[in-house]
Amino acid sequence: MATQQRPFHLVVFGASGFTGQFVTEEVAREQVSPERNSHLPWAVAGRSREKLQRVLERAAMKLGRPTLSSEVGIIICDITNPASLDEMAKQATVVLSCVGPYRFYGEPVVKACVENGTSCIDICGEPQFLELMYWKYHEKAAEKGVYIIGSSGFDSIPADLGVIYTKNKMNGTLTAVESFLTIHSGPEGLCVHDGTWKSAVYGFGDQSSLKKLRNEANLKPVPIVGPKLKRRWPISYCRELNSYSIPFLGADVSVVQYAAYLTVGGITSVIKLMFAGLFFLFFVRFSIGRQLLIKFPWLFSFGYFSKQGPTQRQIDASSFTMTFFGQGYSQGFGTDKSKPNIRICTQVKGPEAGYVATSIAMVQAAMTLLNDASDLPKVGGVFTPAAAFSRTKLIDRLTQRGIEFSVISSSEV
């Protein structure tokens, strides 16, 4: 991508937010990566110069780089001031948008980027926002030759690229995949910042808008090759992983039949999650219920979400494993009537999912946009990670940063 006309290759918008601070640290690491053979000019952006300065000072202290603050630009802009967003976008090749919930704060950033010829990456997990951005901006982004790529964090990057990795490693045609996400925690347990909780509350509370959007889109389903993938029960037992699992409302990969699940351990965890889910689904239906959910996330999530977010010790002790079970047909084997005759198991492993792995994924997606232009879709537009990065070196980049892809087993049935 052309970068010489813009003062900054990357701009982290919302750098003083909870997730934005982690993304800022990750860009700072990338800036001095041994693999880099060129300068990486970048900036942070947001409403408050003081807060942005503090984020850079904390990153400098954490990374042992006392001169970091003087090496990074600061751009003052506000989501309510379109002119300021335009000025930000004009200075960047790629904007990393970290301001959520995206249904409230995401579109002005996308609009400014498209109109000013700037690519944009976000870490949104809100289906309504992602699909609305496609219908409103895909054609204009294509005309401008820019890439708007949503969900470029956890879980979509590991899920999308995990399926693509599985497809590439199978010696034949992959037709269906089940993935199982396992989150590992230390003695202090798990915690997620309530920004993610708010996005879920607003999303579930406005499902009718998403349904209307999809009806208007009238998308055709992906053609099915081989037997139809049977969905598991809402609570099922995975023998291979020795764990109960529930459906995971995350990424939806469209290159094959795909079903995603979250492992939840033993029956005690299942019961706890069932009660939390029932509370959530009941309260989210009503305005007063949504207000209570947002005001008391720790209470209604049984301690999984809080306004403070995870501690550093919780982050350091946490990791994730995403296991993929794929099936398909060997080369030359008929797919019309016969059962799949190949099975493959792959894994993606990485550090703490919500903030560390998300930041690595987002920054490496941005570096892929900057450096792998010939392997991106030929014209710009609004894309999922799978559609944008399937032919790039993003998997290699992630592996170098600690998100590892591997084949566990592969065999003919």
Protein backbone atom coordinates (compact mmCIF):
# COMPACT_ATOMS: atom_id res chain seq x y z
CA MET A 1 0.00 0.00 0.00
CA ALA A 2 1.18 3.52 -0.75
CA THR A 3 2.53 5.08 2.45
CA GLN A 4 4.96 7.77 1.33
CA GLN A 5 2.28 10.49 1.07
CA ARG A 6 1.04 10.01 4.65
CA PRO A 7 3.01 11.00 7.76
CA PHE A 8 1.87 7.91 9.68
CA HIS A 9 1.65 4.30 8.51
CA LEU A 10 -0.56 3.40 11.50
CA VAL A 11 -2.83 5.44 13.78
CA VAL A 12 -4.37 3.85 16.89
CA PHE A 13 -7.72 5.59 17.40
CA GLY A 14 -9.08 5.23 20.93
CA ALA A 15 -5.62 4.52 22.31
CA SER A 16 -6.55 5.59 25.85
CA GLY A 17 -9.42 3.08 26.09
CA PHE A 18 -8.98 -0.22 27.90
CA THR A 19 -8.22 -2.29 24.77
CA GLY A 20 -6.57 0.63 22.99
CA GLN A 21 -3.80 0.69 25.61
CA PHE A 22 -2.88 -2.91 24.78
CA VAL A 23 -2.94 -2.17 21.04
CA THR A 24 -0.67 0.83 21.63
CA GLU A 25 1.84 -1.36 23.47
CA GLU A 26 1.75 -3.92 20.66
CA VAL A 27 2.42 -1.31 17.95
CA ALA A 28 5.35 -0.08 20.05
CA ARG A 29 6.73 -3.64 20.13
CA GLU A 30 6.27 -3.96 16.38
CA GLN A 31 8.13 -0.69 15.86
CA VAL A 32 11.36 -2.24 17.20
CA SER A 33 10.80 -5.81 16.02
CA PRO A 34 14.03 -7.50 14.83
CA GLU A 35 12.22 -8.56 11.64
CA ARG A 36 11.60 -4.94 10.66
CA ASN A 37 13.91 -3.50 8.03
CA SER A 38 12.22 -0.11 7.70
CA HIS A 39 10.95 2.73 9.85
CA LEU A 40 7.37 2.54 11.19
CA PRO A 41 5.96 6.02 11.77
CA TRP A 42 2.80 5.86 13.86
CA ALA A 43 0.52 7.89 16.09
CA VAL A 44 -2.13 7.59 18.77
CA ALA A 45 -5.43 9.45 18.48
CA GLY A 46 -8.28 10.42 20.81
CA ARG A 47 -10.00 13.28 22.61
CA SER A 48 -7.54 13.99 25.41
CA ARG A 49 -3.86 14.78 24.85
CA GLU A 50 -3.17 14.19 28.54
CA LYS A 51 -4.69 10.69 28.52
CA LEU A 52 -2.87 9.76 25.31
CA GLN A 53 0.39 11.02 26.79
CA ARG A 54 -0.16 8.89 29.91
CA VAL A 55 -0.81 5.79 27.76
CA LEU A 56 2.50 6.35 25.95
CA GLU A 57 4.32 6.91 29.24
CA ARG A 58 2.92 3.66 30.68
CA ALA A 59 3.89 1.77 27.53
CA ALA A 60 7.38 3.29 27.67
CA MET A 61 7.81 2.16 31.27
CA LYS A 62 6.45 -1.33 30.62
CA LEU A 63 8.64 -1.86 27.54
CA GLY A 64 11.74 -0.19 28.96
CA ARG A 65 11.80 2.48 26.24
CA PRO A 66 12.08 5.91 27.90
CA THR A 67 12.09 7.80 24.58
CA LEU A 68 8.87 6.21 23.26
CA SER A 69 6.67 9.26 23.91
CA SER A 70 8.86 11.43 21.70
CA GLU A 71 8.79 8.86 18.87
CA VAL A 72 5.00 8.67 18.52
CA GLY A 73 2.65 11.29 17.09
CA ILE A 74 -0.46 12.45 18.93
CA ILE A 75 -3.64 13.39 17.02
CA ILE A 76 -6.55 15.06 18.80
CA CYS A 77 -9.93 14.11 17.36
CA ASP A 78 -13.44 13.38 18.54
CA ILE A 79 -16.09 10.97 17.31
CA THR A 80 -18.63 13.83 17.42
CA ASN A 81 -16.47 16.06 15.20
CA PRO A 82 -16.36 14.66 11.63
CA ALA A 83 -13.82 17.27 10.50
CA SER A 84 -11.36 16.11 13.16
CA LEU A 85 -11.82 12.48 12.04
CA ASP A 86 -11.14 13.54 8.45
CA GLU A 87 -7.89 15.19 9.55
CA MET A 88 -6.87 12.01 11.37
CA ALA A 89 -7.68 9.80 8.38
CA LYS A 90 -5.72 12.04 5.98
CA GLN A 91 -2.58 11.49 8.04
CA ALA A 92 -2.79 7.66 8.17
CA THR A 93 -2.35 4.76 5.79
CA VAL A 94 -4.21 2.41 8.17
CA VAL A 95 -6.39 3.37 11.15
CA LEU A 96 -6.76 0.85 13.98
CA SER A 97 -10.18 1.64 15.44
CA CYS A 98 -10.45 0.64 19.11
CA VAL A 99 -13.54 2.61 20.16
CA GLY A 100 -16.62 0.56 21.07
CA PRO A 101 -19.41 -0.32 21.29
CA TYR A 102 -19.05 0.03 17.53
CA ARG A 103 -22.79 0.38 16.98
CA PHE A 104 -22.44 3.82 18.64
CA TYR A 105 -18.92 4.92 17.77
CA GLY A 106 -17.70 2.85 14.82
CA GLU A 107 -19.37 4.28 11.72
CA PRO A 108 -17.95 7.84 11.83
CA VAL A 109 -14.45 6.33 11.76
CA VAL A 110 -15.28 4.03 8.82
CA LYS A 111 -16.90 6.93 6.94
CA ALA A 112 -13.91 9.22 7.46
CA CYS A 113 -11.49 6.51 6.36
CA VAL A 114 -13.39 5.62 3.19
CA GLU A 115 -13.86 9.26 2.16
CA ASN A 116 -10.18 10.05 2.70
CA GLY A 117 -8.67 6.97 1.08
CA THR A 118 -7.53 5.33 4.32
CA SER A 119 -7.80 1.65 5.21
CA CYS A 120 -9.35 0.76 8.57
CA ILE A 121 -9.20 -2.27 10.88
CA ASP A 122 -11.41 -2.83 13.90
CA ILE A 123 -11.90 -5.53 16.53
CA CYS A 124 -15.70 -5.46 16.49
CA GLY A 125 -17.72 -8.54 17.38
CA GLU A 126 -21.11 -6.95 16.69
CA PRO A 127 -22.81 -8.61 13.66
CA GLN A 128 -25.25 -5.76 13.02
CA PHE A 129 -22.45 -3.18 12.75
CA LEU A 130 -20.26 -5.41 10.59
CA GLU A 131 -23.03 -6.20 8.11
CA LEU A 132 -24.31 -2.62 8.02
CA MET A 133 -20.82 -1.35 7.18
CA TYR A 134 -20.66 -3.79 4.28
CA TRP A 135 -23.94 -2.61 2.76
CA LYS A 136 -23.20 1.07 3.26
CA TYR A 137 -19.50 1.30 2.36
CA HIS A 138 -18.33 -1.72 0.35
CA GLU A 139 -18.79 -0.17 -3.09
CA LYS A 140 -17.29 3.18 -2.14
CA ALA A 141 -14.32 1.50 -0.43
CA ALA A 142 -13.77 -0.52 -3.61
CA GLU A 143 -13.82 2.68 -5.69
CA LYS A 144 -11.28 4.28 -3.35
CA GLY A 145 -9.10 1.16 -3.25
CA VAL A 146 -9.13 0.94 0.56
CA TYR A 147 -9.72 -2.05 2.82
CA ILE A 148 -12.20 -1.93 5.70
CA ILE A 149 -11.72 -5.10 7.74
CA GLY A 150 -13.84 -5.83 10.80
CA SER A 151 -13.41 -8.39 13.59
CA SER A 152 -9.61 -8.38 13.34
CA GLY A 153 -9.06 -9.54 16.90
CA PHE A 154 -10.10 -12.49 19.01
CA ASP A 155 -11.94 -14.67 18.18
CA SER A 156 -12.39 -13.97 14.47
CA ILE A 157 -8.73 -13.97 13.42
CA PRO A 158 -7.93 -17.35 15.06
CA ALA A 159 -11.27 -18.81 13.89
CA ASP A 160 -11.14 -17.53 10.29
CA LEU A 161 -7.47 -18.31 9.78
CA GLY A 162 -7.74 -21.57 11.71
CA VAL A 163 -10.32 -22.83 9.21
CA ILE A 164 -8.19 -21.62 6.30
CA TYR A 165 -5.12 -23.31 7.83
CA THR A 166 -7.10 -26.55 8.24
CA LYS A 167 -8.30 -26.30 4.64
CA ASN A 168 -4.75 -25.76 3.37
CA LYS A 169 -3.34 -28.67 5.41
CA MET A 170 -5.94 -31.20 4.30
CA ASN A 171 -4.83 -33.37 1.40
CA GLY A 172 -8.16 -33.10 -0.37
CA THR A 173 -11.38 -31.08 -0.07
CA LEU A 174 -12.44 -29.78 3.34
CA THR A 175 -16.24 -29.76 3.64
CA ALA A 176 -17.04 -29.16 7.32
CA VAL A 177 -15.32 -27.95 10.50
CA GLU A 178 -16.20 -27.85 14.18
CA SER A 179 -14.10 -25.65 16.45
CA PHE A 180 -13.83 -25.81 20.24
CA LEU A 181 -12.47 -22.83 22.15
CA THR A 182 -10.89 -23.50 25.54
CA ILE A 183 -9.87 -20.60 27.78
CA HIS A 184 -7.18 -21.42 30.36
CA SER A 185 -6.91 -19.33 33.52
CA GLY A 186 -4.65 -19.12 36.54
CA PRO A 187 -5.51 -19.25 40.27
CA GLU A 188 -7.16 -15.81 40.17
CA GLY A 189 -9.63 -16.85 37.48
CA LEU A 190 -10.90 -14.96 34.44
CA CYS A 191 -12.26 -11.47 33.96
CA VAL A 192 -13.27 -9.39 30.93
CA HIS A 193 -13.72 -5.62 30.74
CA ASP A 194 -17.36 -4.55 30.62
CA GLY A 195 -16.97 -2.92 27.19
CA THR A 196 -17.44 -6.38 25.68
CA TRP A 197 -20.43 -6.95 27.98
CA LYS A 198 -22.06 -3.69 26.81
CA SER A 199 -21.68 -4.70 23.16
CA ALA A 200 -23.40 -8.01 23.90
CA VAL A 201 -26.23 -6.34 25.84
CA TYR A 202 -26.97 -3.85 23.07
CA GLY A 203 -26.60 -6.51 20.37
CA PHE A 204 -28.99 -9.02 21.93
CA GLY A 205 -31.37 -6.22 22.82
CA ASP A 206 -31.64 -5.15 19.19
CA GLN A 207 -31.75 -8.48 17.37
CA SER A 208 -34.79 -7.36 15.35
CA SER A 209 -32.66 -4.80 13.49
CA LEU A 210 -30.12 -7.46 12.55
CA LYS A 211 -32.89 -9.78 11.35
CA LYS A 212 -34.37 -6.97 9.23
CA LEU A 213 -30.96 -6.16 7.75
CA ARG A 214 -30.36 -9.79 6.79
CA ASN A 215 -33.83 -10.12 5.26
CA GLU A 216 -33.20 -7.05 3.12
CA ALA A 217 -29.79 -8.40 2.08
CA ASN A 218 -31.37 -11.67 0.85
CA LEU A 219 -28.03 -13.49 0.90
CA LYS A 220 -27.86 -16.97 -0.62
CA PRO A 221 -26.53 -19.71 1.69
CA VAL A 222 -23.11 -21.23 1.06
CA PRO A 223 -23.40 -24.32 -1.21
CA ILE A 224 -23.13 -27.52 0.84
CA VAL A 225 -20.55 -30.12 -0.24
CA GLY A 226 -20.92 -33.56 1.31
CA PRO A 227 -23.29 -34.41 4.19
CA LYS A 228 -24.85 -31.52 6.08
CA LEU A 229 -23.04 -30.73 9.32
CA LYS A 230 -25.25 -31.67 12.26
CA ARG A 231 -25.37 -29.08 15.03
CA ARG A 232 -24.75 -30.29 18.56
CA TRP A 233 -27.22 -29.84 21.40
CA PRO A 234 -27.01 -26.56 23.40
CA ILE A 235 -25.07 -28.56 26.00
CA SER A 236 -23.02 -31.44 24.62
CA TYR A 237 -20.01 -33.52 25.63
CA CYS A 238 -16.87 -33.55 23.48
CA ARG A 239 -15.10 -36.88 24.05
CA GLU A 240 -11.94 -35.79 22.25
CA LEU A 241 -11.45 -32.87 24.66
CA ASN A 242 -13.06 -34.54 27.71
CA SER A 243 -15.23 -31.48 28.32
CA TYR A 244 -18.79 -30.22 28.06
CA SER A 245 -19.37 -27.52 25.46
CA ILE A 246 -21.94 -24.90 24.50
CA PRO A 247 -22.44 -23.08 21.18
CA PHE A 248 -20.03 -20.18 20.80
CA LEU A 249 -21.58 -17.00 19.37
CA GLY A 250 -18.46 -15.85 17.59
CA ALA A 251 -17.12 -15.92 14.08
CA ASP A 252 -19.06 -17.41 11.18
CA VAL A 253 -16.66 -18.66 8.52
CA SER A 254 -18.34 -18.99 5.13
CA VAL A 255 -15.71 -21.00 3.21
CA VAL A 256 -17.05 -24.33 4.58
CA GLN A 257 -19.84 -25.60 6.82
CA TYR A 258 -18.77 -24.41 10.26
CA ALA A 259 -19.95 -24.75 13.85
CA ALA A 260 -18.19 -23.13 16.81
CA TYR A 261 -18.33 -24.24 20.43
CA LEU A 262 -16.90 -23.13 23.78
CA THR A 263 -15.68 -25.77 26.21
CA VAL A 264 -16.87 -25.15 29.75
CA GLY A 265 -15.31 -27.98 31.75
CA GLY A 266 -17.46 -30.01 34.12
CA ILE A 267 -21.11 -30.04 35.05
CA THR A 268 -20.68 -27.35 37.77
CA SER A 269 -19.49 -24.85 35.17
CA VAL A 270 -22.37 -25.84 32.89
CA ILE A 271 -24.93 -25.10 35.62
CA LYS A 272 -23.30 -21.77 36.46
CA LEU A 273 -23.28 -20.68 32.81
CA MET A 274 -26.88 -21.83 32.33
CA PHE A 275 -28.08 -19.58 35.14
CA ALA A 276 -25.99 -16.65 33.90
CA GLY A 277 -27.35 -17.16 30.37
CA LEU A 278 -30.96 -17.34 31.54
CA PHE A 279 -30.56 -14.18 33.61
CA PHE A 280 -28.97 -12.39 30.65
CA LEU A 281 -31.58 -13.47 28.08
CA PHE A 282 -34.44 -12.48 30.39
CA PHE A 283 -33.14 -9.04 31.38
CA VAL A 284 -31.87 -8.09 27.90
CA ARG A 285 -35.44 -8.14 26.55
CA PHE A 286 -36.46 -5.02 28.52
CA SER A 287 -35.08 -1.49 28.63
CA ILE A 288 -34.87 -1.45 32.43
CA GLY A 289 -33.27 -4.89 32.31
CA ARG A 290 -30.57 -3.70 29.91
CA GLN A 291 -29.85 -0.74 32.19
CA LEU A 292 -29.38 -3.10 35.13
CA LEU A 293 -27.14 -5.43 33.11
CA ILE A 294 -24.93 -2.51 32.10
CA LYS A 295 -24.83 -1.01 35.60
CA PHE A 296 -23.97 -4.28 37.39
CA PRO A 297 -21.95 -6.43 34.96
CA TRP A 298 -20.07 -8.27 37.71
CA LEU A 299 -23.31 -9.36 39.39
CA PHE A 300 -25.22 -10.55 36.33
CA SER A 301 -22.22 -12.25 34.69
CA PHE A 302 -21.35 -14.15 37.90
CA GLY A 303 -18.03 -12.33 38.10
CA TYR A 304 -16.83 -12.88 34.52
CA PHE A 305 -17.18 -9.18 33.51
CA SER A 306 -16.28 -6.05 35.47
CA LYS A 307 -15.85 -2.32 34.96
CA GLN A 308 -12.20 -2.63 36.00
CA GLY A 309 -11.31 -5.47 33.62
CA PRO A 310 -8.71 -8.17 34.32
CA THR A 311 -5.67 -7.59 36.50
CA GLN A 312 -2.19 -7.97 35.05
CA ARG A 313 -1.78 -11.22 37.00
CA GLN A 314 -5.00 -12.60 35.51
CA ILE A 315 -3.81 -11.64 32.02
CA ASP A 316 -0.35 -13.17 32.50
CA ALA A 317 -1.86 -16.49 33.71
CA SER A 318 -4.41 -16.79 30.91
CA SER A 319 -4.17 -18.41 27.47
CA PHE A 320 -6.41 -20.01 24.86
CA THR A 321 -6.55 -23.10 22.68
CA MET A 322 -8.85 -23.38 19.68
CA THR A 323 -9.16 -26.95 18.37
CA PHE A 324 -10.56 -27.64 14.88
CA PHE A 325 -12.01 -30.99 13.78
CA GLY A 326 -12.37 -31.07 9.99
CA GLN A 327 -13.71 -33.66 7.58
CA GLY A 328 -13.67 -33.96 3.82
CA TYR A 329 -12.74 -36.01 0.79
CA SER A 330 -9.40 -37.13 -0.59
CA GLN A 331 -8.47 -36.08 -4.10
CA GLY A 332 -10.50 -37.90 -6.72
CA PHE A 333 -13.00 -39.24 -4.16
CA GLY A 334 -16.65 -38.65 -5.08
CA THR A 335 -18.52 -36.13 -2.90
CA ASP A 336 -22.05 -36.75 -4.15
CA LYS A 337 -23.18 -39.84 -2.22
CA SER A 338 -20.26 -41.18 -0.20
CA LYS A 339 -19.36 -40.20 3.35
CA PRO A 340 -16.27 -38.04 3.99
CA ASN A 341 -13.15 -40.21 4.07
CA ILE A 342 -10.59 -37.80 5.58
CA ARG A 343 -10.44 -36.29 9.05
CA ILE A 344 -8.01 -33.69 10.33
CA CYS A 345 -7.44 -32.04 13.70
CA THR A 346 -5.60 -28.71 14.00
CA GLN A 347 -5.03 -26.22 16.79
CA VAL A 348 -4.42 -22.52 17.30
CA LYS A 349 -2.81 -21.63 20.63
CA GLY A 350 -1.96 -18.25 22.05
CA PRO A 351 -1.67 -15.93 25.06
CA GLU A 352 -4.56 -14.25 26.91
CA ALA A 353 -7.35 -13.91 24.37
CA GLY A 354 -9.28 -10.71 25.04
CA TYR A 355 -6.46 -8.18 25.08
CA VAL A 356 -3.04 -9.73 24.38
CA ALA A 357 -4.00 -12.04 21.47
CA THR A 358 -6.48 -9.44 20.19
CA SER A 359 -3.78 -6.76 20.08
CA ILE A 360 -1.31 -9.08 18.34
CA ALA A 361 -3.95 -10.08 15.78
CA MET A 362 -5.03 -6.49 15.10
CA VAL A 363 -1.51 -5.13 14.70
CA GLN A 364 -0.35 -8.02 12.51
CA ALA A 365 -3.47 -7.59 10.35
CA ALA A 366 -2.43 -3.97 9.90
CA MET A 367 1.14 -4.96 9.05
CA THR A 368 -0.24 -7.41 6.49
CA LEU A 369 -2.20 -4.59 4.86
CA LEU A 370 0.96 -2.50 4.70
CA ASN A 371 3.32 -5.21 3.44
CA ASP A 372 1.36 -7.93 1.59
CA ALA A 373 -0.57 -5.75 -0.87
CA SER A 374 -0.12 -8.15 -3.80
CA ASP A 375 -1.80 -10.95 -1.83
CA LEU A 376 -4.87 -8.95 -0.80
CA PRO A 377 -8.13 -8.91 -2.81
CA LYS A 378 -7.44 -7.10 -6.07
CA VAL A 379 -9.81 -4.24 -5.27
CA GLY A 380 -10.71 -2.66 -1.97
CA GLY A 381 -13.96 -3.03 -0.07
CA VAL A 382 -15.38 -4.16 3.26
CA PHE A 383 -14.10 -7.64 4.15
CA THR A 384 -13.98 -10.26 6.86
CA PRO A 385 -10.50 -11.40 7.94
CA ALA A 386 -10.93 -14.67 5.99
CA ALA A 387 -11.83 -12.84 2.78
CA ALA A 388 -9.02 -10.29 3.15
CA PHE A 389 -6.13 -12.39 4.43
CA SER A 390 -6.60 -15.92 3.07
CA ARG A 391 -3.65 -15.63 0.63
CA THR A 392 -1.35 -13.48 2.77
CA LYS A 393 1.44 -14.27 5.24
CA LEU A 394 -0.69 -13.36 8.26
CA ILE A 395 -0.53 -16.87 9.75
CA ASP A 396 3.28 -16.71 9.62
CA ARG A 397 3.25 -13.26 11.23
CA LEU A 398 0.99 -14.46 14.04
CA THR A 399 3.15 -17.55 14.65
CA GLN A 400 6.22 -15.33 15.05
CA ARG A 401 4.32 -13.32 17.70
CA GLY A 402 3.18 -16.31 19.77
CA ILE A 403 -0.14 -17.32 18.20
CA GLU A 404 0.77 -20.77 16.90
CA PHE A 405 -0.98 -22.93 14.27
CA SER A 406 -0.33 -26.69 14.17
CA VAL A 407 -1.67 -29.99 12.81
CA ILE A 408 -2.49 -32.44 15.62
CA SER A 409 -3.58 -35.39 13.45
CA SER A 410 -4.68 -36.22 9.92
CA SER A 411 -5.97 -39.56 8.67
CA GLU A 412 -8.16 -41.32 6.14
CA VAL A 413 -11.25 -43.03 7.55
